[in-house]
């Protein structure tokens, strides 16, 4: 496929009010894209939209949506079509996590995470696929994670969702081969977002250990600026890269999982910073 050109193309981003999503919006704005930004945080969404307009976006529209509500997203696709005529780039970026072991996590919280991290990705892709297929040279980006390559303890729900996003993206890429729609699956690791500190606490945290652990993880392990992650994602879309692993830690984890798939965590656990 030809390189993706962003100027004048319609780009839809979920989870656009903060973190990687907000950084992506600004990168694409500087490329003179048309932006349709989605998030449940109305205030953050309005702030990012204003910044994107100032940065050079040709047009910006927003939609406040809680992806946990189980909607089929056909109304979202219809709104984009009505405003911009269709979609050239869909970025499924929104994601959440839980704090606690699988034993501690309630099934209601587990289902909440799966609804946002996996089912919303599938439903949103399904809703927008006709538009992508109707625009030759369109592209789809799904955000998996380092934890879609390796599976750590105390992240059972999150790893389940991100491994599933990886499989969904790879299978869909193979299915769409030759139909002029590119698919990139992204595995970020160590990007400085608020996903850890905003993790939902499942079960009692009377002594504050779960919250403290999330804060320690965020400070010690999440160090890459989201702007750098966004830059790499934009470059991957432009060059039609099928798979992007972000950060040296994620690349090391990916290599270990392929070299010693049954024992990689024994190695990783020995080199993790104390307290993580």
C-alpha atoms as a PDB file:
ATOM      1  CA  UNK A   1       0.000   0.000   0.000  1.00  0.00           C
ATOM      2  CA  UNK A   2       1.033   3.600  -0.552  1.00  0.00           C
ATOM      3  CA  UNK A   3       2.197   5.656   2.408  1.00  0.00           C
ATOM      4  CA  UNK A   4      -0.613   7.137   4.462  1.00  0.00           C
ATOM      5  CA  UNK A   5      -1.068  10.877   3.950  1.00  0.00           C
ATOM      6  CA  UNK A   6      -2.761  12.616   6.895  1.00  0.00           C
ATOM      7  CA  UNK A   7      -3.609  16.044   5.466  1.00  0.00           C
ATOM      8  CA  UNK A   8      -7.328  16.310   4.819  1.00  0.00           C
ATOM      9  CA  UNK A   9      -8.005  12.751   6.020  1.00  0.00           C
ATOM     10  CA  UNK A  10     -10.583  11.939   8.685  1.00  0.00           C
ATOM     11  CA  UNK A  11      -9.046  10.408  11.808  1.00  0.00           C
ATOM     12  CA  UNK A  12     -11.119   8.976  14.686  1.00  0.00           C
ATOM     13  CA  UNK A  13      -9.395   8.509  18.065  1.00  0.00           C
ATOM     14  CA  UNK A  14     -10.949   6.915  21.145  1.00  0.00           C
ATOM     15  CA  UNK A  15      -9.571   7.748  24.579  1.00  0.00           C
ATOM     16  CA  UNK A  16      -8.527  11.129  23.189  1.00  0.00           C
ATOM     17  CA  UNK A  17      -8.815  13.243  26.355  1.00  0.00           C
ATOM     18  CA  UNK A  18      -5.435  12.319  27.843  1.00  0.00           C
ATOM     19  CA  UNK A  19      -2.265  10.265  27.504  1.00  0.00           C
ATOM     20  CA  UNK A  20      -1.391   8.698  24.157  1.00  0.00           C
ATOM     21  CA  UNK A  21      -4.791   9.603  22.688  1.00  0.00           C
ATOM     22  CA  UNK A  22      -4.345  13.315  23.388  1.00  0.00           C
ATOM     23  CA  UNK A  23      -0.788  13.227  22.063  1.00  0.00           C
ATOM     24  CA  UNK A  24      -1.994  11.498  18.895  1.00  0.00           C
ATOM     25  CA  UNK A  25      -4.632  14.179  18.379  1.00  0.00           C
ATOM     26  CA  UNK A  26      -1.990  16.909  18.500  1.00  0.00           C
ATOM     27  CA  UNK A  27       0.401  15.043  16.198  1.00  0.00           C
ATOM     28  CA  UNK A  28      -2.358  14.522  13.632  1.00  0.00           C
ATOM     29  CA  UNK A  29      -3.503  18.124  14.015  1.00  0.00           C
ATOM     30  CA  UNK A  30      -0.053  19.277  13.016  1.00  0.00           C
ATOM     31  CA  UNK A  31      -0.423  17.035   9.947  1.00  0.00           C
ATOM     32  CA  UNK A  32      -3.605  18.998   9.058  1.00  0.00           C
ATOM     33  CA  UNK A  33      -5.959  16.069   9.587  1.00  0.00           C
ATOM     34  CA  UNK A  34      -9.701  16.202  10.256  1.00  0.00           C
ATOM     35  CA  UNK A  35     -10.230  14.900  13.792  1.00  0.00           C
ATOM     36  CA  UNK A  36     -13.133  13.147  15.489  1.00  0.00           C
ATOM     37  CA  UNK A  37     -12.215  12.718  19.142  1.00  0.00           C
ATOM     38  CA  UNK A  38     -13.998  10.355  21.529  1.00  0.00           C
ATOM     39  CA  UNK A  39     -13.761  10.066  25.311  1.00  0.00           C
ATOM     40  CA  UNK A  40     -15.956   9.907  28.418  1.00  0.00           C
ATOM     41  CA  UNK A  41     -14.107  12.898  29.950  1.00  0.00           C
ATOM     42  CA  UNK A  42     -15.991  15.902  28.536  1.00  0.00           C
ATOM     43  CA  UNK A  43     -13.663  18.502  30.056  1.00  0.00           C
ATOM     44  CA  UNK A  44     -10.477  16.792  28.892  1.00  0.00           C
ATOM     45  CA  UNK A  45     -11.961  16.239  25.448  1.00  0.00           C
ATOM     46  CA  UNK A  46     -12.837  19.919  25.061  1.00  0.00           C
ATOM     47  CA  UNK A  47      -9.342  20.918  26.156  1.00  0.00           C
ATOM     48  CA  UNK A  48      -7.635  18.588  23.658  1.00  0.00           C
ATOM     49  CA  UNK A  49      -9.994  19.698  20.877  1.00  0.00           C
ATOM     50  CA  UNK A  50      -9.059  23.339  21.474  1.00  0.00           C
ATOM     51  CA  UNK A  51      -5.359  22.470  21.448  1.00  0.00           C
ATOM     52  CA  UNK A  52      -5.788  20.482  18.224  1.00  0.00           C
ATOM     53  CA  UNK A  53      -7.505  23.383  16.492  1.00  0.00           C
ATOM     54  CA  UNK A  54      -4.690  25.696  17.554  1.00  0.00           C
ATOM     55  CA  UNK A  55      -2.121  23.155  16.323  1.00  0.00           C
ATOM     56  CA  UNK A  56      -3.481  23.165  12.780  1.00  0.00           C
ATOM     57  CA  UNK A  57      -6.260  20.571  12.485  1.00  0.00           C
ATOM     58  CA  UNK A  58      -8.512  21.379   9.538  1.00  0.00           C
ATOM     59  CA  UNK A  59     -11.578  20.553  11.608  1.00  0.00           C
ATOM     60  CA  UNK A  60     -12.264  18.951  14.990  1.00  0.00           C
ATOM     61  CA  UNK A  61     -15.404  17.270  16.272  1.00  0.00           C
ATOM     62  CA  UNK A  62     -15.900  15.557  19.624  1.00  0.00           C
ATOM     63  CA  UNK A  63     -18.259  12.987  21.091  1.00  0.00           C
ATOM     64  CA  UNK A  64     -18.577  12.196  24.793  1.00  0.00           C
ATOM     65  CA  UNK A  65     -19.016   8.417  25.027  1.00  0.00           C
ATOM     66  CA  UNK A  66     -18.549   5.906  27.828  1.00  0.00           C
ATOM     67  CA  UNK A  67     -17.251   2.823  26.032  1.00  0.00           C
ATOM     68  CA  UNK A  68     -18.318   0.682  28.986  1.00  0.00           C
ATOM     69  CA  UNK A  69     -21.993   1.086  28.071  1.00  0.00           C
ATOM     70  CA  UNK A  70     -22.020  -1.834  25.610  1.00  0.00           C
ATOM     71  CA  UNK A  71     -23.183   0.219  22.609  1.00  0.00           C
ATOM     72  CA  UNK A  72     -22.686  -1.070  19.074  1.00  0.00           C
ATOM     73  CA  UNK A  73     -21.096   2.278  18.033  1.00  0.00           C
ATOM     74  CA  UNK A  74     -23.181   2.496  14.852  1.00  0.00           C
ATOM     75  CA  UNK A  75     -24.360   5.915  16.052  1.00  0.00           C
ATOM     76  CA  UNK A  76     -20.749   7.004  16.420  1.00  0.00           C
ATOM     77  CA  UNK A  77     -19.923   5.868  12.881  1.00  0.00           C
ATOM     78  CA  UNK A  78     -23.026   7.665  11.598  1.00  0.00           C
ATOM     79  CA  UNK A  79     -21.962  10.879  13.348  1.00  0.00           C
ATOM     80  CA  UNK A  80     -18.530  10.754  11.694  1.00  0.00           C
ATOM     81  CA  UNK A  81     -20.070  10.065   8.297  1.00  0.00           C
ATOM     82  CA  UNK A  82     -22.520  12.944   8.695  1.00  0.00           C
ATOM     83  CA  UNK A  83     -19.772  15.373   9.709  1.00  0.00           C
ATOM     84  CA  UNK A  84     -16.875  14.276   7.476  1.00  0.00           C
ATOM     85  CA  UNK A  85     -18.304  11.851   4.907  1.00  0.00           C
ATOM     86  CA  UNK A  86     -16.411   8.826   6.207  1.00  0.00           C
ATOM     87  CA  UNK A  87     -13.345   7.622   8.082  1.00  0.00           C
ATOM     88  CA  UNK A  88      -9.791   7.175   6.790  1.00  0.00           C
ATOM     89  CA  UNK A  89      -8.062   6.282  10.066  1.00  0.00           C
ATOM     90  CA  UNK A  90      -9.574   4.663  13.159  1.00  0.00           C
ATOM     91  CA  UNK A  91      -7.421   4.479  16.284  1.00  0.00           C
ATOM     92  CA  UNK A  92      -8.854   2.317  19.078  1.00  0.00           C
ATOM     93  CA  UNK A  93      -6.772   3.734  21.905  1.00  0.00           C
ATOM     94  CA  UNK A  94      -9.066   3.823  24.960  1.00  0.00           C
ATOM     95  CA  UNK A  95      -8.141   1.438  27.767  1.00  0.00           C
ATOM     96  CA  UNK A  96      -8.429   0.845  31.503  1.00  0.00           C
ATOM     97  CA  UNK A  97      -6.921  -1.483  34.090  1.00  0.00           C
ATOM     98  CA  UNK A  98      -7.728  -3.032  37.456  1.00  0.00           C
ATOM     99  CA  UNK A  99      -5.708  -3.228  40.628  1.00  0.00           C
ATOM    100  CA  UNK A 100      -5.564  -6.534  42.483  1.00  0.00           C
ATOM    101  CA  UNK A 101      -5.074 -10.238  41.952  1.00  0.00           C
ATOM    102  CA  UNK A 102      -7.545 -12.376  39.993  1.00  0.00           C
ATOM    103  CA  UNK A 103      -8.730 -13.775  43.320  1.00  0.00           C
ATOM    104  CA  UNK A 104      -9.545 -10.261  44.550  1.00  0.00           C
ATOM    105  CA  UNK A 105     -11.107  -8.913  41.358  1.00  0.00           C
ATOM    106  CA  UNK A 106     -14.898  -9.096  41.146  1.00  0.00           C
ATOM    107  CA  UNK A 107     -16.517 -10.439  37.994  1.00  0.00           C
ATOM    108  CA  UNK A 108     -18.400  -7.148  37.584  1.00  0.00           C
ATOM    109  CA  UNK A 109     -15.083  -5.282  37.447  1.00  0.00           C
ATOM    110  CA  UNK A 110     -13.550  -7.936  35.183  1.00  0.00           C
ATOM    111  CA  UNK A 111     -16.459  -7.559  32.748  1.00  0.00           C
ATOM    112  CA  UNK A 112     -16.175  -3.745  32.926  1.00  0.00           C
ATOM    113  CA  UNK A 113     -12.541  -3.925  31.844  1.00  0.00           C
ATOM    114  CA  UNK A 114     -13.240  -6.411  29.063  1.00  0.00           C
ATOM    115  CA  UNK A 115     -16.071  -4.214  27.776  1.00  0.00           C
ATOM    116  CA  UNK A 116     -13.750  -1.239  27.329  1.00  0.00           C
ATOM    117  CA  UNK A 117     -10.465  -2.906  26.391  1.00  0.00           C
ATOM    118  CA  UNK A 118     -11.760  -5.627  24.070  1.00  0.00           C
ATOM    119  CA  UNK A 119     -15.444  -5.528  23.202  1.00  0.00           C
ATOM    120  CA  UNK A 120     -15.417  -1.792  22.487  1.00  0.00           C
ATOM    121  CA  UNK A 121     -12.455  -2.316  20.141  1.00  0.00           C
ATOM    122  CA  UNK A 122     -14.325  -5.054  18.296  1.00  0.00           C
ATOM    123  CA  UNK A 123     -17.639  -3.183  18.176  1.00  0.00           C
ATOM    124  CA  UNK A 124     -16.092   0.113  17.103  1.00  0.00           C
ATOM    125  CA  UNK A 125     -14.076  -1.609  14.381  1.00  0.00           C
ATOM    126  CA  UNK A 126     -17.195  -3.437  13.183  1.00  0.00           C
ATOM    127  CA  UNK A 127     -19.182  -0.197  13.060  1.00  0.00           C
ATOM    128  CA  UNK A 128     -16.516   1.705  11.124  1.00  0.00           C
ATOM    129  CA  UNK A 129     -15.335  -1.092   8.827  1.00  0.00           C
ATOM    130  CA  UNK A 130     -17.760  -0.232   5.981  1.00  0.00           C
ATOM    131  CA  UNK A 131     -16.405   3.314   5.938  1.00  0.00           C
ATOM    132  CA  UNK A 132     -12.793   2.125   5.984  1.00  0.00           C
ATOM    133  CA  UNK A 133     -13.456  -0.308   3.132  1.00  0.00           C
ATOM    134  CA  UNK A 134     -15.127   2.460   1.142  1.00  0.00           C
ATOM    135  CA  UNK A 135     -12.022   4.678   1.410  1.00  0.00           C
ATOM    136  CA  UNK A 136      -9.109   2.958  -0.394  1.00  0.00           C
ATOM    137  CA  UNK A 137      -5.916   3.455   1.575  1.00  0.00           C
ATOM    138  CA  UNK A 138      -7.698   3.627   4.935  1.00  0.00           C
ATOM    139  CA  UNK A 139      -6.036   2.341   8.094  1.00  0.00           C
ATOM    140  CA  UNK A 140      -6.932   0.817  11.468  1.00  0.00           C
ATOM    141  CA  UNK A 141      -4.813   1.032  14.635  1.00  0.00           C
ATOM    142  CA  UNK A 142      -5.549  -1.022  17.745  1.00  0.00           C
ATOM    143  CA  UNK A 143      -3.667  -0.400  20.983  1.00  0.00           C
ATOM    144  CA  UNK A 144      -2.630  -3.617  22.688  1.00  0.00           C
ATOM    145  CA  UNK A 145       0.168  -3.430  25.266  1.00  0.00           C
ATOM    146  CA  UNK A 146       3.449  -4.884  26.450  1.00  0.00           C
ATOM    147  CA  UNK A 147       1.016  -7.020  28.463  1.00  0.00           C
ATOM    148  CA  UNK A 148      -0.321  -8.346  25.175  1.00  0.00           C
ATOM    149  CA  UNK A 149       3.133  -9.880  24.686  1.00  0.00           C
ATOM    150  CA  UNK A 150       3.940 -10.974  28.241  1.00  0.00           C
ATOM    151  CA  UNK A 151       1.486 -11.797  31.024  1.00  0.00           C
ATOM    152  CA  UNK A 152       2.418 -10.532  34.507  1.00  0.00           C
ATOM    153  CA  UNK A 153       0.842 -11.567  37.780  1.00  0.00           C
ATOM    154  CA  UNK A 154      -1.862  -9.265  39.195  1.00  0.00           C
ATOM    155  CA  UNK A 155      -2.796  -8.169  35.667  1.00  0.00           C
ATOM    156  CA  UNK A 156      -4.917 -11.154  34.629  1.00  0.00           C
ATOM    157  CA  UNK A 157      -7.889  -9.158  33.310  1.00  0.00           C
ATOM    158  CA  UNK A 158      -5.726  -6.569  31.549  1.00  0.00           C
ATOM    159  CA  UNK A 159      -3.427  -9.142  29.952  1.00  0.00           C
ATOM    160  CA  UNK A 160      -6.430 -11.203  28.820  1.00  0.00           C
ATOM    161  CA  UNK A 161      -7.903  -8.187  27.058  1.00  0.00           C
ATOM    162  CA  UNK A 162      -4.652  -7.085  25.444  1.00  0.00           C
ATOM    163  CA  UNK A 163      -3.674 -10.554  24.203  1.00  0.00           C
ATOM    164  CA  UNK A 164      -7.167 -10.719  22.677  1.00  0.00           C
ATOM    165  CA  UNK A 165      -6.742  -7.315  20.989  1.00  0.00           C
ATOM    166  CA  UNK A 166      -3.487  -8.589  19.522  1.00  0.00           C
ATOM    167  CA  UNK A 167      -5.145 -11.713  18.102  1.00  0.00           C
ATOM    168  CA  UNK A 168      -8.132  -9.767  16.788  1.00  0.00           C
ATOM    169  CA  UNK A 169      -5.867  -7.265  15.037  1.00  0.00           C
ATOM    170  CA  UNK A 170      -3.579  -9.839  13.468  1.00  0.00           C
ATOM    171  CA  UNK A 171      -6.439 -12.011  12.207  1.00  0.00           C
ATOM    172  CA  UNK A 172      -8.269  -8.977  10.804  1.00  0.00           C
ATOM    173  CA  UNK A 173      -5.099  -7.782   9.079  1.00  0.00           C
ATOM    174  CA  UNK A 174      -4.798 -11.137   7.324  1.00  0.00           C
ATOM    175  CA  UNK A 175      -8.494 -11.078   6.421  1.00  0.00           C
ATOM    176  CA  UNK A 176      -8.255  -7.588   4.909  1.00  0.00           C
ATOM    177  CA  UNK A 177      -5.054  -8.285   2.962  1.00  0.00           C
ATOM    178  CA  UNK A 178      -5.453  -7.003  -0.582  1.00  0.00           C
ATOM    179  CA  UNK A 179      -8.481  -4.820   0.245  1.00  0.00           C
ATOM    180  CA  UNK A 180      -6.577  -1.544   0.695  1.00  0.00           C
ATOM    181  CA  UNK A 181      -7.123  -1.246   4.451  1.00  0.00           C
ATOM    182  CA  UNK A 182      -4.006  -1.414   6.607  1.00  0.00           C
ATOM    183  CA  UNK A 183      -3.987  -2.676  10.194  1.00  0.00           C
ATOM    184  CA  UNK A 184      -1.399  -1.849  12.851  1.00  0.00           C
ATOM    185  CA  UNK A 185      -1.354  -3.393  16.319  1.00  0.00           C
ATOM    186  CA  UNK A 186       0.612  -1.367  18.865  1.00  0.00           C
ATOM    187  CA  UNK A 187       2.313  -2.743  21.986  1.00  0.00           C
ATOM    188  CA  UNK A 188       3.355   0.199  24.199  1.00  0.00           C
ATOM    189  CA  UNK A 189       5.379  -0.416  27.332  1.00  0.00           C
ATOM    190  CA  UNK A 190       6.450   2.114  29.948  1.00  0.00           C
ATOM    191  CA  UNK A 191       4.572   5.113  28.542  1.00  0.00           C
ATOM    192  CA  UNK A 192       3.817   7.853  31.079  1.00  0.00           C
ATOM    193  CA  UNK A 193       0.011   7.904  31.215  1.00  0.00           C
ATOM    194  CA  UNK A 194      -2.453   7.866  34.108  1.00  0.00           C
ATOM    195  CA  UNK A 195      -3.663   4.316  33.438  1.00  0.00           C
ATOM    196  CA  UNK A 196      -1.955   2.875  36.530  1.00  0.00           C
ATOM    197  CA  UNK A 197      -2.895   5.616  38.984  1.00  0.00           C
ATOM    198  CA  UNK A 198      -6.491   5.651  37.705  1.00  0.00           C
ATOM    199  CA  UNK A 199      -6.822   1.865  37.922  1.00  0.00           C
ATOM    200  CA  UNK A 200     -10.096   0.695  39.425  1.00  0.00           C
ATOM    201  CA  UNK A 201      -9.600  -0.879  42.839  1.00  0.00           C
ATOM    202  CA  UNK A 202     -11.463  -4.175  42.927  1.00  0.00           C
ATOM    203  CA  UNK A 203     -12.223  -5.157  46.498  1.00  0.00           C
ATOM    204  CA  UNK A 204     -11.221  -3.435  49.738  1.00  0.00           C
ATOM    205  CA  UNK A 205      -7.961  -1.471  49.960  1.00  0.00           C
ATOM    206  CA  UNK A 206      -8.174  -0.610  53.631  1.00  0.00           C
ATOM    207  CA  UNK A 207      -4.436  -0.156  54.111  1.00  0.00           C
ATOM    208  CA  UNK A 208      -3.922   1.622  50.781  1.00  0.00           C
ATOM    209  CA  UNK A 209      -1.508  -1.007  49.451  1.00  0.00           C
ATOM    210  CA  UNK A 210      -3.141  -1.275  46.031  1.00  0.00           C
ATOM    211  CA  UNK A 211      -3.148   2.483  45.500  1.00  0.00           C
ATOM    212  CA  UNK A 212       0.450   2.755  46.722  1.00  0.00           C
ATOM    213  CA  UNK A 213       1.569  -0.035  44.389  1.00  0.00           C
ATOM    214  CA  UNK A 214      -0.108   1.663  41.424  1.00  0.00           C
ATOM    215  CA  UNK A 215       1.619   4.945  42.263  1.00  0.00           C
ATOM    216  CA  UNK A 216       5.015   3.221  42.605  1.00  0.00           C
ATOM    217  CA  UNK A 217       4.553   1.408  39.294  1.00  0.00           C
ATOM    218  CA  UNK A 218       3.618   4.645  37.538  1.00  0.00           C
ATOM    219  CA  UNK A 219       6.629   6.527  38.919  1.00  0.00           C
ATOM    220  CA  UNK A 220       9.221   3.793  38.345  1.00  0.00           C
ATOM    221  CA  UNK A 221       8.048   2.025  35.200  1.00  0.00           C
ATOM    222  CA  UNK A 222       6.085   4.579  33.158  1.00  0.00           C
ATOM    223  CA  UNK A 223       8.718   7.021  31.967  1.00  0.00           C
ATOM    224  CA  UNK A 224       8.353   7.504  28.188  1.00  0.00           C
ATOM    225  CA  UNK A 225       6.496  10.728  27.282  1.00  0.00           C
ATOM    226  CA  UNK A 226       3.191   9.986  25.508  1.00  0.00           C
ATOM    227  CA  UNK A 227       4.280  12.405  22.784  1.00  0.00           C
ATOM    228  CA  UNK A 228       7.096  10.010  21.829  1.00  0.00           C
ATOM    229  CA  UNK A 229       4.720   7.049  21.734  1.00  0.00           C
ATOM    230  CA  UNK A 230       2.343   9.066  19.543  1.00  0.00           C
ATOM    231  CA  UNK A 231       5.191  10.035  17.210  1.00  0.00           C
ATOM    232  CA  UNK A 232       6.100   6.383  16.732  1.00  0.00           C
ATOM    233  CA  UNK A 233       2.474   5.389  16.116  1.00  0.00           C
ATOM    234  CA  UNK A 234       1.993   8.121  13.505  1.00  0.00           C
ATOM    235  CA  UNK A 235       5.198   7.020  11.769  1.00  0.00           C
ATOM    236  CA  UNK A 236       4.014   3.394  11.824  1.00  0.00           C
ATOM    237  CA  UNK A 237       0.706   4.345  10.210  1.00  0.00           C
ATOM    238  CA  UNK A 238       2.459   6.445   7.593  1.00  0.00           C
ATOM    239  CA  UNK A 239       4.711   3.534   6.605  1.00  0.00           C
ATOM    240  CA  UNK A 240       1.904   0.928   6.978  1.00  0.00           C
ATOM    241  CA  UNK A 241       3.818  -0.986   9.625  1.00  0.00           C
ATOM    242  CA  UNK A 242       1.755  -4.006  10.739  1.00  0.00           C
ATOM    243  CA  UNK A 243       3.182  -4.197  14.249  1.00  0.00           C
ATOM    244  CA  UNK A 244       4.778  -1.638  16.533  1.00  0.00           C
ATOM    245  CA  UNK A 245       6.474  -2.413  19.854  1.00  0.00           C
ATOM    246  CA  UNK A 246       7.230   0.778  21.792  1.00  0.00           C
ATOM    247  CA  UNK A 247      10.138   1.095  24.261  1.00  0.00           C
ATOM    248  CA  UNK A 248      13.238  -0.990  24.828  1.00  0.00           C
ATOM    249  CA  UNK A 249      11.559  -2.735  27.773  1.00  0.00           C
ATOM    250  CA  UNK A 250       8.670  -3.872  25.598  1.00  0.00           C
ATOM    251  CA  UNK A 251      11.068  -5.073  22.902  1.00  0.00           C
ATOM    252  CA  UNK A 252      13.054  -7.029  25.488  1.00  0.00           C
ATOM    253  CA  UNK A 253       9.883  -8.601  26.864  1.00  0.00           C
ATOM    254  CA  UNK A 254       8.750  -9.525  23.358  1.00  0.00           C
ATOM    255  CA  UNK A 255      12.094 -11.187  22.632  1.00  0.00           C
ATOM    256  CA  UNK A 256      12.081 -13.132  25.904  1.00  0.00           C
ATOM    257  CA  UNK A 257       8.516 -14.357  25.327  1.00  0.00           C
ATOM    258  CA  UNK A 258       9.529 -15.731  21.931  1.00  0.00           C
ATOM    259  CA  UNK A 259      12.817 -17.261  23.099  1.00  0.00           C
ATOM    260  CA  UNK A 260      11.607 -18.869  26.335  1.00  0.00           C
ATOM    261  CA  UNK A 261       7.791 -18.772  26.224  1.00  0.00           C
ATOM    262  CA  UNK A 262       7.348 -20.989  29.275  1.00  0.00           C
ATOM    263  CA  UNK A 263       9.855 -19.251  31.538  1.00  0.00           C
ATOM    264  CA  UNK A 264      10.159 -15.593  30.490  1.00  0.00           C
ATOM    265  CA  UNK A 265       8.534 -14.258  33.663  1.00  0.00           C
ATOM    266  CA  UNK A 266      11.214 -15.874  35.830  1.00  0.00           C
ATOM    267  CA  UNK A 267      13.752 -13.694  34.034  1.00  0.00           C
ATOM    268  CA  UNK A 268      11.645 -10.525  34.022  1.00  0.00           C
ATOM    269  CA  UNK A 269      10.821 -10.825  37.745  1.00  0.00           C
ATOM    270  CA  UNK A 270      14.538 -10.861  38.602  1.00  0.00           C
ATOM    271  CA  UNK A 271      15.230  -7.559  36.865  1.00  0.00           C
ATOM    272  CA  UNK A 272      12.122  -5.613  37.890  1.00  0.00           C
ATOM    273  CA  UNK A 273      12.786  -2.621  40.166  1.00  0.00           C
ATOM    274  CA  UNK A 274      12.220  -3.446  43.822  1.00  0.00           C
ATOM    275  CA  UNK A 275       8.640  -2.858  44.872  1.00  0.00           C
ATOM    276  CA  UNK A 276       7.072  -3.524  41.463  1.00  0.00           C
END
